[in-house]
Amino acid sequence: TDSLVYIVTEEAISLKDYLHQTLQQNPLRESWLCWGLYQIVTGLQFLNESAKSVYNNLKLSSIFVNNAGDWKIFRLENCRTYDEIITQENFVNSRDKYSLPDDRMDNFKKRPW
C-alpha cells in the first residue's frame, strides 16, 4: 500500500552449511549439485538478460538454500546495472587523475632516491 511496506522473507541457510549438513549423506549428491548450479545459472541469466544487471561478487557466502532445496542468490547489493559498470577504458583513463606525478610520466621512469 501507499503507507505500509511489507517485507517477506523465507528461512534459508548458507550454501556452505547446506553442503556440509545435507548433501554429505545424500546418495544423489551429484544430481543435487547439478540442480543447484543450474538454479544459480538461471538466476544469473535473469539478472543479466531481464534486469540488465551484473552480479559482481558471486561466491559461496552469497548463495543460500531454502527449505525446499532451492538455491538462491542473496546479497543483491553487489548487483550493478549495465549503465553503472565502469568500463575498462574509463578505468584506464581515470588512472591519471589519482596517480602520483611520477607515475603519470609516459616512460614510467622513476627518479632514484
Protein backbone atom coordinates (compact mmCIF):
# COMPACT_ATOMS: atom_id res chain seq x y z
CA THR A 1 0.00 0.00 0.00
CA ASP A 2 0.97 3.67 -0.05
CA SER A 3 1.52 3.84 3.70
CA LEU A 4 2.89 0.38 4.53
CA VAL A 5 5.80 -1.70 3.36
CA TYR A 6 5.67 -5.46 3.80
CA ILE A 7 8.90 -7.40 3.87
CA VAL A 8 8.52 -11.09 3.11
CA THR A 9 11.34 -13.47 3.88
CA GLU A 10 11.89 -17.18 3.88
CA GLU A 11 14.04 -19.37 6.05
CA ALA A 12 17.31 -20.28 4.38
CA ILE A 13 20.78 -21.49 5.29
CA SER A 14 24.11 -20.72 3.70
CA LEU A 15 25.23 -22.98 0.89
CA LYS A 16 28.30 -23.90 2.91
CA ASP A 17 26.16 -25.20 5.79
CA TYR A 18 23.77 -26.90 3.38
CA LEU A 19 26.59 -28.73 1.63
CA HIS A 20 28.04 -29.83 4.94
CA GLN A 21 24.76 -30.90 6.59
CA THR A 22 22.55 -32.16 3.80
CA LEU A 23 24.47 -33.20 0.75
CA GLN A 24 27.21 -35.05 2.58
CA GLN A 25 24.92 -38.00 3.35
CA ASN A 26 22.78 -37.77 0.23
CA PRO A 27 23.34 -40.58 -2.30
CA LEU A 28 22.02 -38.26 -5.03
CA ARG A 29 24.62 -35.63 -4.14
CA GLU A 30 25.86 -35.10 -7.70
CA SER A 31 22.33 -34.64 -9.03
CA TRP A 32 21.56 -32.09 -6.31
CA LEU A 33 24.77 -30.18 -7.06
CA CYS A 34 23.91 -30.07 -10.76
CA TRP A 35 20.38 -28.88 -9.97
CA GLY A 36 21.68 -26.19 -7.61
CA LEU A 37 24.24 -24.95 -10.12
CA TYR A 38 21.51 -24.85 -12.76
CA GLN A 39 19.39 -22.67 -10.45
CA ILE A 40 22.28 -20.25 -9.89
CA VAL A 41 22.99 -20.03 -13.61
CA THR A 42 19.29 -19.41 -14.27
CA GLY A 43 19.30 -16.65 -11.63
CA LEU A 44 22.36 -15.04 -13.19
CA GLN A 45 20.76 -15.29 -16.62
CA PHE A 46 17.70 -13.46 -15.30
CA LEU A 47 19.85 -10.73 -13.76
CA ASN A 48 21.86 -10.32 -16.97
CA GLU A 49 19.11 -10.52 -19.58
CA SER A 50 15.90 -9.34 -17.92
CA ALA A 51 17.23 -7.00 -15.23
CA LYS A 52 20.14 -5.78 -17.41
CA SER A 53 22.43 -6.15 -14.39
CA VAL A 54 25.64 -7.88 -13.45
CA TYR A 55 26.28 -9.64 -10.15
CA ASN A 56 29.84 -8.70 -9.27
CA ASN A 57 30.65 -10.88 -6.29
CA LEU A 58 29.31 -14.41 -6.66
CA LYS A 59 30.85 -16.67 -4.05
CA LEU A 60 29.90 -19.41 -1.62
CA SER A 61 28.73 -16.94 1.04
CA SER A 62 26.32 -15.21 -1.36
CA ILE A 63 24.30 -18.36 -2.09
CA PHE A 64 21.64 -19.66 0.29
CA VAL A 65 19.32 -22.66 0.18
CA ASN A 66 15.69 -22.54 1.33
CA ASN A 67 13.64 -25.33 2.94
CA ALA A 68 12.53 -26.57 -0.49
CA GLY A 69 16.17 -27.06 -1.52
CA ASP A 70 16.14 -24.13 -3.95
CA TRP A 71 19.45 -22.31 -4.30
CA LYS A 72 19.07 -18.52 -4.15
CA ILE A 73 21.42 -15.64 -4.86
CA PHE A 74 21.50 -13.31 -1.86
CA ARG A 75 23.27 -10.01 -1.23
CA LEU A 76 21.97 -8.25 -4.28
CA GLU A 77 23.73 -5.07 -3.19
CA ASN A 78 26.54 -6.46 -5.33
CA CYS A 79 24.44 -6.02 -8.49
CA ARG A 80 25.14 -3.20 -10.89
CA THR A 81 23.17 -2.18 -13.93
CA TYR A 82 24.94 -2.07 -17.25
CA ASP A 83 24.96 1.73 -17.05
CA GLU A 84 26.77 1.66 -13.69
CA ILE A 85 29.58 -0.59 -14.77
CA ILE A 86 32.89 1.15 -15.19
CA THR A 87 34.35 0.12 -18.48
CA GLN A 88 37.98 -0.79 -18.71
CA GLU A 89 38.56 2.26 -20.90
CA ASN A 90 37.10 4.62 -18.29
CA PHE A 91 39.14 2.96 -15.57
CA VAL A 92 42.38 3.35 -17.51
CA ASN A 93 41.58 6.95 -18.41
CA SER A 94 40.83 7.86 -14.78
CA ARG A 95 44.12 6.36 -13.60
CA ASP A 96 45.97 9.61 -14.27
CA LYS A 97 43.55 11.60 -12.17
CA TYR A 98 44.53 9.75 -8.99
CA SER A 99 48.15 8.87 -9.73
CA LEU A 100 51.27 10.49 -8.37
CA PRO A 101 53.02 12.81 -10.84
CA ASP A 102 55.95 10.42 -11.21
CA ASP A 103 53.59 7.59 -12.09
CA ARG A 104 51.99 9.67 -14.84
CA MET A 105 55.19 10.05 -16.80
CA ASP A 106 54.93 8.45 -20.21
CA ASN A 107 58.11 6.46 -19.85
CA PHE A 108 57.32 5.43 -16.24
CA LYS A 109 60.93 6.09 -15.22
CA LYS A 110 61.36 6.80 -11.55
CA ARG A 111 63.79 9.20 -10.02
CA PRO A 112 66.47 7.49 -7.95
CA TRP A 113 66.18 8.29 -4.28
